Amino acid sequence: MPVWVEIFIVVATIALVVQTLVMLSTLMLLRPIILRFAQIAMDFQGKMNPILASAGRILADSEERIKSIVEDASEISHTARAEAENVDRVINDAVDRLRVQIIRTDQMVTTALEAVEDAGTKVRHSVLAPVNQISALLKGLKVGLDTIRGNRRPHSDGVPQDEELFI
């Protein structure tokens, strides 16, 4: 065997021995820390086990209540939806009825106003025509009486004739 292989084996052996010593010294230094972490983990587990057991019992006891609450909430939701649909239906029906009543009222008011207008027109024609005739008759009588008395006034508007203005 060549010398350089023997040297390589010796160097590799020394490196492995040194590496082993470094690993053992690191293990010896970390052992108290590892033991301390193990102790902390055991204490933590000892404290958490009762809490987890209590939480498990609470969940087991509350499971039926939670299920009941969820079922009640679902039922309330369905009931509320049905009632909302009923209210919507009632409101739509009321709005439709109100719309019909408004149309009917509008027609009645329009008919009443047309009747009042027709009545006013008929009253105007039936009252004003005789009043105009009586007024014309009275004017004719007045002119006739003025003519008989000798007060001739062909223009009743108060404008004097040219003859009266003549000096």
N, C-alpha and C. Protein backbone atom coordinates (compact mmCIF):
# COMPACT_ATOMS: atom_id res chain seq x y z
N MET A 1 0.83 -1.15 0.00
CA MET A 1 0.00 0.00 0.00
C MET A 1 0.89 1.24 0.00
N PRO A 2 0.48 2.21 -0.78
CA PRO A 2 1.34 3.38 -0.86
C PRO A 2 1.26 4.19 0.43
N VAL A 3 2.19 5.00 0.62
CA VAL A 3 2.35 5.79 1.84
C VAL A 3 1.25 6.87 1.91
N TRP A 4 0.98 7.39 0.86
CA TRP A 4 0.01 8.49 0.90
C TRP A 4 -1.38 7.97 1.29
N VAL A 5 -1.74 6.76 1.04
CA VAL A 5 -3.01 6.17 1.46
C VAL A 5 -2.97 5.98 2.97
N GLU A 6 -1.81 5.53 3.48
CA GLU A 6 -1.70 5.36 4.92
C GLU A 6 -1.80 6.70 5.62
N ILE A 7 -1.23 7.73 5.04
CA ILE A 7 -1.29 9.08 5.64
C ILE A 7 -2.75 9.56 5.60
N PHE A 8 -3.42 9.27 4.52
CA PHE A 8 -4.82 9.70 4.39
C PHE A 8 -5.68 9.01 5.44
N ILE A 9 -5.43 7.75 5.69
CA ILE A 9 -6.21 7.00 6.67
C ILE A 9 -5.93 7.55 8.06
N VAL A 10 -4.68 7.86 8.35
CA VAL A 10 -4.32 8.40 9.68
C VAL A 10 -4.99 9.76 9.85
N VAL A 11 -4.93 10.61 8.84
CA VAL A 11 -5.52 11.95 8.94
C VAL A 11 -7.04 11.82 9.09
N ALA A 12 -7.68 10.95 8.37
CA ALA A 12 -9.13 10.77 8.46
C ALA A 12 -9.50 10.25 9.83
N THR A 13 -8.68 9.35 10.40
CA THR A 13 -8.96 8.81 11.73
C THR A 13 -8.87 9.91 12.77
N ILE A 14 -7.80 10.73 12.67
CA ILE A 14 -7.64 11.83 13.63
C ILE A 14 -8.82 12.79 13.50
N ALA A 15 -9.27 13.10 12.27
CA ALA A 15 -10.39 14.01 12.05
C ALA A 15 -11.66 13.43 12.65
N LEU A 16 -11.86 12.12 12.51
CA LEU A 16 -13.06 11.49 13.09
C LEU A 16 -13.01 11.51 14.60
N VAL A 17 -11.84 11.29 15.17
CA VAL A 17 -11.70 11.32 16.63
C VAL A 17 -11.97 12.73 17.13
N VAL A 18 -11.43 13.76 16.47
CA VAL A 18 -11.64 15.15 16.89
C VAL A 18 -13.12 15.50 16.75
N GLN A 19 -13.70 15.08 15.69
CA GLN A 19 -15.12 15.37 15.46
C GLN A 19 -15.97 14.69 16.52
N THR A 20 -15.63 13.48 16.88
CA THR A 20 -16.37 12.76 17.92
C THR A 20 -16.22 13.47 19.25
N LEU A 21 -15.02 13.93 19.57
CA LEU A 21 -14.80 14.65 20.82
C LEU A 21 -15.60 15.96 20.85
N VAL A 22 -15.67 16.67 19.72
CA VAL A 22 -16.44 17.93 19.65
C VAL A 22 -17.92 17.62 19.85
N MET A 23 -18.41 16.57 19.23
CA MET A 23 -19.83 16.20 19.36
C MET A 23 -20.15 15.81 20.80
N LEU A 24 -19.23 15.03 21.46
CA LEU A 24 -19.46 14.62 22.84
C LEU A 24 -19.44 15.83 23.77
N SER A 25 -18.53 16.77 23.54
CA SER A 25 -18.47 17.96 24.40
C SER A 25 -19.71 18.82 24.20
N THR A 26 -20.21 18.94 22.95
CA THR A 26 -21.45 19.70 22.69
C THR A 26 -22.62 19.03 23.37
N LEU A 27 -22.66 17.70 23.31
CA LEU A 27 -23.74 16.96 23.97
C LEU A 27 -23.70 17.17 25.46
N MET A 28 -22.48 17.17 26.05
CA MET A 28 -22.34 17.36 27.49
C MET A 28 -22.77 18.77 27.90
N LEU A 29 -22.48 19.76 27.05
CA LEU A 29 -22.88 21.13 27.34
C LEU A 29 -24.40 21.32 27.17
N LEU A 30 -24.99 20.68 26.19
CA LEU A 30 -26.42 20.85 25.91
C LEU A 30 -27.31 19.96 26.78
N ARG A 31 -26.74 18.94 27.41
CA ARG A 31 -27.54 18.00 28.21
C ARG A 31 -28.33 18.70 29.31
N PRO A 32 -27.75 19.62 30.12
CA PRO A 32 -28.57 20.28 31.13
C PRO A 32 -29.71 21.10 30.51
N ILE A 33 -29.43 21.71 29.37
CA ILE A 33 -30.47 22.52 28.72
C ILE A 33 -31.58 21.61 28.20
N ILE A 34 -31.19 20.49 27.62
CA ILE A 34 -32.18 19.53 27.11
C ILE A 34 -33.02 18.99 28.26
N LEU A 35 -32.39 18.67 29.39
CA LEU A 35 -33.13 18.18 30.55
C LEU A 35 -34.08 19.25 31.08
N ARG A 36 -33.63 20.52 31.08
CA ARG A 36 -34.48 21.62 31.55
C ARG A 36 -35.70 21.79 30.63
N PHE A 37 -35.48 21.73 29.31
CA PHE A 37 -36.61 21.82 28.37
C PHE A 37 -37.55 20.64 28.53
N ALA A 38 -37.03 19.49 28.79
CA ALA A 38 -37.89 18.32 29.01
C ALA A 38 -38.73 18.52 30.25
N GLN A 39 -38.12 19.07 31.31
CA GLN A 39 -38.86 19.34 32.55
C GLN A 39 -39.96 20.38 32.31
N ILE A 40 -39.63 21.44 31.56
CA ILE A 40 -40.63 22.47 31.25
C ILE A 40 -41.77 21.87 30.43
N ALA A 41 -41.43 21.03 29.48
CA ALA A 41 -42.46 20.38 28.66
C ALA A 41 -43.35 19.49 29.51
N MET A 42 -42.79 18.79 30.47
CA MET A 42 -43.58 17.92 31.36
C MET A 42 -44.50 18.77 32.24
N ASP A 43 -43.97 19.88 32.78
CA ASP A 43 -44.79 20.77 33.61
C ASP A 43 -45.93 21.37 32.79
N PHE A 44 -45.60 21.81 31.58
CA PHE A 44 -46.61 22.39 30.69
C PHE A 44 -47.70 21.37 30.38
N GLN A 45 -47.25 20.14 30.06
CA GLN A 45 -48.22 19.08 29.75
C GLN A 45 -49.06 18.77 30.97
N GLY A 46 -48.44 18.79 32.16
CA GLY A 46 -49.19 18.52 33.39
C GLY A 46 -50.25 19.58 33.66
N LYS A 47 -49.94 20.81 33.32
CA LYS A 47 -50.91 21.90 33.52
C LYS A 47 -51.96 21.95 32.42
N MET A 48 -51.59 21.59 31.22
CA MET A 48 -52.52 21.66 30.09
C MET A 48 -53.50 20.49 30.06
N ASN A 49 -53.12 19.33 30.55
CA ASN A 49 -54.00 18.17 30.52
C ASN A 49 -55.32 18.42 31.25
N PRO A 50 -55.31 18.99 32.48
CA PRO A 50 -56.60 19.26 33.12
C PRO A 50 -57.44 20.28 32.36
N ILE A 51 -56.76 21.29 31.79
CA ILE A 51 -57.49 22.31 31.04
C ILE A 51 -58.12 21.70 29.80
N LEU A 52 -57.36 20.89 29.07
CA LEU A 52 -57.89 20.24 27.87
C LEU A 52 -59.01 19.27 28.22
N ALA A 53 -58.85 18.54 29.34
CA ALA A 53 -59.91 17.61 29.77
C ALA A 53 -61.17 18.38 30.11
N SER A 54 -61.02 19.52 30.81
CA SER A 54 -62.18 20.35 31.17
C SER A 54 -62.85 20.91 29.92
N ALA A 55 -62.05 21.39 28.98
CA ALA A 55 -62.61 21.91 27.73
C ALA A 55 -63.34 20.81 26.97
N GLY A 56 -62.78 19.61 26.98
CA GLY A 56 -63.44 18.47 26.31
C GLY A 56 -64.78 18.16 26.95
N ARG A 57 -64.82 18.18 28.30
CA ARG A 57 -66.09 17.91 28.99
C ARG A 57 -67.12 19.01 28.70
N ILE A 58 -66.64 20.26 28.68
CA ILE A 58 -67.56 21.37 28.40
C ILE A 58 -68.12 21.23 26.98
N LEU A 59 -67.27 20.93 26.03
CA LEU A 59 -67.75 20.73 24.65
C LEU A 59 -68.72 19.56 24.55
N ALA A 60 -68.41 18.49 25.27
CA ALA A 60 -69.30 17.32 25.23
C ALA A 60 -70.65 17.66 25.85
N ASP A 61 -70.62 18.41 26.98
CA ASP A 61 -71.88 18.80 27.63
C ASP A 61 -72.66 19.82 26.79
N SER A 62 -71.94 20.70 26.10
CA SER A 62 -72.58 21.77 25.35
C SER A 62 -72.98 21.37 23.94
N GLU A 63 -72.57 20.20 23.51
CA GLU A 63 -72.84 19.80 22.13
C GLU A 63 -74.33 19.78 21.83
N GLU A 64 -75.13 19.23 22.72
CA GLU A 64 -76.58 19.19 22.49
C GLU A 64 -77.18 20.59 22.52
N ARG A 65 -76.68 21.43 23.44
CA ARG A 65 -77.19 22.79 23.52
C ARG A 65 -76.84 23.57 22.25
N ILE A 66 -75.62 23.41 21.80
CA ILE A 66 -75.19 24.11 20.58
C ILE A 66 -76.02 23.62 19.39
N LYS A 67 -76.24 22.33 19.33
CA LYS A 67 -77.05 21.77 18.25
C LYS A 67 -78.46 22.33 18.31
N SER A 68 -79.03 22.43 19.53
CA SER A 68 -80.37 22.98 19.71
C SER A 68 -80.41 24.46 19.30
N ILE A 69 -79.38 25.19 19.68
CA ILE A 69 -79.32 26.61 19.32
C ILE A 69 -79.26 26.78 17.81
N VAL A 70 -78.45 25.97 17.16
CA VAL A 70 -78.34 26.05 15.70
C VAL A 70 -79.67 25.70 15.03
N GLU A 71 -80.35 24.67 15.54
CA GLU A 71 -81.65 24.30 14.98
C GLU A 71 -82.67 25.41 15.19
N ASP A 72 -82.67 26.01 16.41
CA ASP A 72 -83.60 27.11 16.68
C ASP A 72 -83.31 28.31 15.77
N ALA A 73 -82.04 28.60 15.58
CA ALA A 73 -81.68 29.72 14.70
C ALA A 73 -82.14 29.45 13.27
N SER A 74 -82.00 28.22 12.83
CA SER A 74 -82.45 27.87 11.48
C SER A 74 -83.97 28.01 11.37
N GLU A 75 -84.67 27.55 12.39
CA GLU A 75 -86.14 27.65 12.38
C GLU A 75 -86.58 29.10 12.41
N ILE A 76 -85.90 29.92 13.22
CA ILE A 76 -86.24 31.34 13.28
C ILE A 76 -85.99 31.99 11.92
N SER A 77 -84.91 31.61 11.28
CA SER A 77 -84.60 32.16 9.96
C SER A 77 -85.69 31.80 8.95
N HIS A 78 -86.13 30.55 8.96
CA HIS A 78 -87.19 30.13 8.03
C HIS A 78 -88.50 30.85 8.34
N THR A 79 -88.82 30.98 9.62
CA THR A 79 -90.05 31.67 10.01
C THR A 79 -90.00 33.13 9.61
N ALA A 80 -88.85 33.77 9.86
CA ALA A 80 -88.71 35.18 9.50
C ALA A 80 -88.85 35.37 7.99
N ARG A 81 -88.28 34.46 7.22
CA ARG A 81 -88.39 34.56 5.76
C ARG A 81 -89.85 34.41 5.33
N ALA A 82 -90.56 33.46 5.92
CA ALA A 82 -91.97 33.25 5.56
C ALA A 82 -92.80 34.48 5.94
N GLU A 83 -92.53 35.03 7.12
CA GLU A 83 -93.28 36.22 7.56
C GLU A 83 -92.96 37.42 6.67
N ALA A 84 -91.71 37.54 6.28
CA ALA A 84 -91.34 38.65 5.38
C ALA A 84 -92.08 38.51 4.05
N GLU A 85 -92.20 37.29 3.55
CA GLU A 85 -92.94 37.07 2.31
C GLU A 85 -94.41 37.42 2.50
N ASN A 86 -94.99 37.05 3.66
CA ASN A 86 -96.39 37.39 3.94
C ASN A 86 -96.58 38.90 4.01
N VAL A 87 -95.67 39.58 4.70
CA VAL A 87 -95.76 41.04 4.81
C VAL A 87 -95.63 41.67 3.43
N ASP A 88 -94.74 41.17 2.62
CA ASP A 88 -94.56 41.69 1.27
C ASP A 88 -95.84 41.50 0.46
N ARG A 89 -96.45 40.33 0.59
CA ARG A 89 -97.69 40.05 -0.13
C ARG A 89 -98.80 41.00 0.34
N VAL A 90 -98.91 41.21 1.66
CA VAL A 90 -99.96 42.09 2.20
C VAL A 90 -99.73 43.53 1.74
N ILE A 91 -98.48 43.98 1.79
CA ILE A 91 -98.19 45.35 1.38
C ILE A 91 -98.48 45.54 -0.11
N ASN A 92 -98.09 44.57 -0.93
CA ASN A 92 -98.39 44.68 -2.36
C ASN A 92 -99.88 44.72 -2.61
N ASP A 93 -100.65 43.89 -1.88
CA ASP A 93 -102.10 43.88 -2.02
C ASP A 93 -102.68 45.23 -1.60
N ALA A 94 -102.18 45.77 -0.48
CA ALA A 94 -102.67 47.06 0.01
C ALA A 94 -102.34 48.18 -0.99
N VAL A 95 -101.16 48.13 -1.56
CA VAL A 95 -100.78 49.14 -2.54
C VAL A 95 -101.65 49.04 -3.78
N ASP A 96 -101.93 47.83 -4.22
CA ASP A 96 -102.82 47.65 -5.38
C ASP A 96 -104.21 48.18 -5.08
N ARG A 97 -104.74 47.86 -3.91
CA ARG A 97 -106.07 48.37 -3.54
C ARG A 97 -106.07 49.89 -3.45
N LEU A 98 -105.02 50.44 -2.85
CA LEU A 98 -104.92 51.89 -2.74
C LEU A 98 -104.86 52.53 -4.12
N ARG A 99 -104.12 51.93 -5.03
CA ARG A 99 -104.03 52.45 -6.39
C ARG A 99 -105.41 52.45 -7.04
N VAL A 100 -106.17 51.36 -6.87
CA VAL A 100 -107.52 51.29 -7.45
C VAL A 100 -108.41 52.36 -6.84
N GLN A 101 -108.32 52.55 -5.51
CA GLN A 101 -109.15 53.56 -4.83
C GLN A 101 -108.77 54.97 -5.29
N ILE A 102 -107.49 55.21 -5.50
CA ILE A 102 -107.06 56.53 -5.97
C ILE A 102 -107.60 56.78 -7.37
N ILE A 103 -107.53 55.77 -8.22
CA ILE A 103 -108.07 55.92 -9.59
C ILE A 103 -109.57 56.18 -9.52
N ARG A 104 -110.27 55.41 -8.68
CA ARG A 104 -111.72 55.59 -8.55
C ARG A 104 -112.05 56.98 -8.01
N THR A 105 -111.29 57.43 -7.00
CA THR A 105 -111.51 58.76 -6.43
C THR A 105 -111.23 59.84 -7.46
N ASP A 106 -110.19 59.67 -8.24
CA ASP A 106 -109.86 60.64 -9.30
C ASP A 106 -111.00 60.72 -10.31
N GLN A 107 -111.54 59.57 -10.69
CA GLN A 107 -112.66 59.56 -11.63
C GLN A 107 -113.88 60.27 -11.03
N MET A 108 -114.15 60.01 -9.75
CA MET A 108 -115.31 60.64 -9.10
C MET A 108 -115.13 62.15 -9.01
N VAL A 109 -113.93 62.60 -8.63
CA VAL A 109 -113.68 64.04 -8.53
C VAL A 109 -113.76 64.68 -9.90
N THR A 110 -113.22 64.02 -10.92
CA THR A 110 -113.29 64.55 -12.28
C THR A 110 -114.74 64.67 -12.74
N THR A 111 -115.52 63.63 -12.48
CA THR A 111 -116.94 63.66 -12.85
C THR A 111 -117.68 64.77 -12.11
N ALA A 112 -117.38 64.91 -10.81
CA ALA A 112 -118.04 65.96 -10.02
C ALA A 112 -117.65 67.34 -10.53
N LEU A 113 -116.39 67.55 -10.85
CA LEU A 113 -115.96 68.85 -11.35
C LEU A 113 -116.59 69.15 -12.71
N GLU A 114 -116.70 68.14 -13.57
CA GLU A 114 -117.36 68.35 -14.86
C GLU A 114 -118.83 68.70 -14.66
N ALA A 115 -119.48 68.03 -13.69
CA ALA A 115 -120.89 68.32 -13.41
C ALA A 115 -121.04 69.74 -12.87
N VAL A 116 -120.14 70.15 -11.98
CA VAL A 116 -120.20 71.52 -11.45
C VAL A 116 -119.98 72.53 -12.56
N GLU A 117 -119.04 72.23 -13.44
CA GLU A 117 -118.78 73.13 -14.56
C GLU A 117 -119.99 73.22 -15.48
N ASP A 118 -120.61 72.08 -15.79
CA ASP A 118 -121.81 72.09 -16.63
C ASP A 118 -122.94 72.86 -15.94
N ALA A 119 -123.08 72.63 -14.64
CA ALA A 119 -124.14 73.33 -13.90
C ALA A 119 -123.88 74.83 -13.91
N GLY A 120 -122.61 75.22 -13.72
CA GLY A 120 -122.27 76.64 -13.76
C GLY A 120 -122.57 77.25 -15.11
N THR A 121 -122.26 76.53 -16.16
CA THR A 121 -122.54 77.02 -17.51
C THR A 121 -124.05 77.16 -17.72
N LYS A 122 -124.80 76.18 -17.30
CA LYS A 122 -126.26 76.23 -17.46
C LYS A 122 -126.86 77.36 -16.62
N VAL A 123 -126.36 77.54 -15.40
CA VAL A 123 -126.86 78.63 -14.55
C VAL A 123 -126.53 79.97 -15.19
N ARG A 124 -125.31 80.10 -15.70
CA ARG A 124 -124.91 81.34 -16.35
C ARG A 124 -125.85 81.65 -17.52
N HIS A 125 -126.09 80.64 -18.35
CA HIS A 125 -126.96 80.87 -19.51
C HIS A 125 -128.40 81.13 -19.08
N SER A 126 -128.88 80.40 -18.09
CA SER A 126 -130.29 80.56 -17.70
C SER A 126 -130.51 81.81 -16.87
N VAL A 127 -129.50 82.30 -16.17
CA VAL A 127 -129.68 83.51 -15.36
C VAL A 127 -129.28 84.75 -16.16
N LEU A 128 -128.18 84.68 -16.86
CA LEU A 128 -127.69 85.87 -17.56
C LEU A 128 -128.56 86.25 -18.75
N ALA A 129 -129.12 85.29 -19.43
CA ALA A 129 -129.97 85.61 -20.59
C ALA A 129 -131.18 86.45 -20.16
N PRO A 130 -131.94 86.06 -19.14
CA PRO A 130 -133.06 86.93 -18.70
C PRO A 130 -132.57 88.25 -18.13
N VAL A 131 -131.43 88.23 -17.43
CA VAL A 131 -130.91 89.49 -16.87
C VAL A 131 -130.54 90.43 -18.01
N ASN A 132 -129.92 89.91 -19.06
CA ASN A 132 -129.59 90.75 -20.21
C ASN A 132 -130.86 91.28 -20.88
N GLN A 133 -131.87 90.42 -20.98
CA GLN A 133 -133.12 90.86 -21.59
C GLN A 133 -133.79 91.94 -20.74
N ILE A 134 -133.78 91.75 -19.43
CA ILE A 134 -134.39 92.74 -18.53
C ILE A 134 -133.59 94.03 -18.60
N SER A 135 -132.28 93.92 -18.65
CA SER A 135 -131.43 95.11 -18.75
C SER A 135 -131.71 95.86 -20.05
N ALA A 136 -131.86 95.12 -21.15
CA ALA A 136 -132.16 95.76 -22.43
C ALA A 136 -133.54 96.41 -22.38
N LEU A 137 -134.51 95.76 -21.76
CA LEU A 137 -135.85 96.30 -21.62
C LEU A 137 -135.83 97.59 -20.81
N LEU A 138 -135.04 97.55 -19.69
CA LEU A 138 -134.96 98.76 -18.85
C LEU A 138 -134.28 99.90 -19.59
N LYS A 139 -133.26 99.62 -20.38
CA LYS A 139 -132.61 100.66 -21.16
C LYS A 139 -133.58 101.24 -22.18
N GLY A 140 -134.36 100.35 -22.81
CA GLY A 140 -135.35 100.83 -23.77
C GLY A 140 -136.41 101.70 -23.11
N LEU A 141 -136.88 101.30 -21.93
CA LEU A 141 -137.85 102.10 -21.19
C LEU A 141 -137.27 103.45 -20.81
N LYS A 142 -136.04 103.45 -20.38
CA LYS A 142 -135.39 104.69 -19.98
C LYS A 142 -135.27 105.64 -21.17
N VAL A 143 -134.87 105.11 -22.30
CA VAL A 143 -134.76 105.94 -23.50
C VAL A 143 -136.14 106.46 -23.89
N GLY A 144 -137.14 105.61 -23.81
CA GLY A 144 -138.50 106.03 -24.15
C GLY A 144 -138.99 107.11 -23.20
N LEU A 145 -138.75 106.93 -21.90
CA LEU A 145 -139.17 107.93 -20.91
C LEU A 145 -138.42 109.24 -21.10
N ASP A 146 -137.15 109.15 -21.41
CA ASP A 146 -136.37 110.36 -21.66
C ASP A 146 -136.89 111.09 -22.91
N THR A 147 -137.29 110.32 -23.87
CA THR A 147 -137.81 110.93 -25.10
C THR A 147 -139.15 111.59 -24.81
N ILE A 148 -140.00 110.98 -24.04
CA ILE A 148 -141.31 111.54 -23.71
C ILE A 148 -141.11 112.80 -22.87
N ARG A 149 -140.21 112.85 -21.98
CA ARG A 149 -139.95 114.00 -21.14
C ARG A 149 -139.28 115.11 -21.93
N GLY A 150 -138.71 114.84 -22.95
CA GLY A 150 -138.06 115.84 -23.77
C GLY A 150 -136.55 115.86 -23.54
N ASN A 151 -136.08 115.07 -22.77
CA ASN A 151 -134.63 114.98 -22.57
C ASN A 151 -134.09 113.94 -23.52
N ARG A 152 -133.78 114.42 -24.67
CA ARG A 152 -133.28 113.47 -25.65
C ARG A 152 -131.79 113.30 -25.48
N ARG A 153 -131.44 112.19 -25.25
CA ARG A 153 -130.01 111.88 -25.17
C ARG A 153 -129.76 110.65 -26.02
N PRO A 154 -129.40 110.87 -27.23
CA PRO A 154 -129.16 109.71 -28.04
C PRO A 154 -127.92 108.95 -27.57
N HIS A 155 -126.96 109.65 -26.96
CA HIS A 155 -125.76 108.96 -26.46
C HIS A 155 -125.84 108.93 -24.96
N SER A 156 -126.00 107.81 -24.41
CA SER A 156 -126.13 107.67 -22.96
C SER A 156 -124.80 107.55 -22.27
N ASP A 157 -123.74 107.70 -22.99
CA ASP A 157 -122.43 107.51 -22.38
C ASP A 157 -121.92 108.81 -21.78
N GLY A 158 -122.70 109.88 -21.82
CA GLY A 158 -122.29 111.14 -21.18
C GLY A 158 -121.43 112.01 -22.07
N VAL A 159 -121.27 111.68 -23.33
CA VAL A 159 -120.48 112.50 -24.24
C VAL A 159 -121.43 113.52 -24.88
N PRO A 160 -121.19 114.85 -24.74
CA PRO A 160 -122.11 115.85 -25.32
C PRO A 160 -122.07 115.89 -26.84
N GLN A 161 -123.20 116.23 -27.42
CA GLN A 161 -123.33 116.32 -28.86
C GLN A 161 -122.63 117.59 -29.36
N ASP A 162 -122.38 117.62 -30.65
CA ASP A 162 -121.76 118.81 -31.22
C ASP A 162 -122.69 120.01 -31.13
N GLU A 163 -123.99 119.82 -31.19
CA GLU A 163 -124.95 120.94 -31.12
C GLU A 163 -124.91 121.57 -29.77
N GLU A 164 -124.74 120.80 -28.74
CA GLU A 164 -124.69 121.36 -27.39
C GLU A 164 -123.40 122.16 -27.19
N LEU A 165 -122.37 121.83 -27.89
CA LEU A 165 -121.11 122.53 -27.76
C LEU A 165 -121.11 123.81 -28.61
N PHE A 166 -122.02 123.95 -29.53
CA PHE A 166 -122.04 125.10 -30.42
C PHE A 166 -122.50 126.30 -29.66
N ILE A 167 -121.81 127.45 -29.78
CA ILE A 167 -122.18 128.66 -29.07
C ILE A 167 -122.85 129.61 -30.04
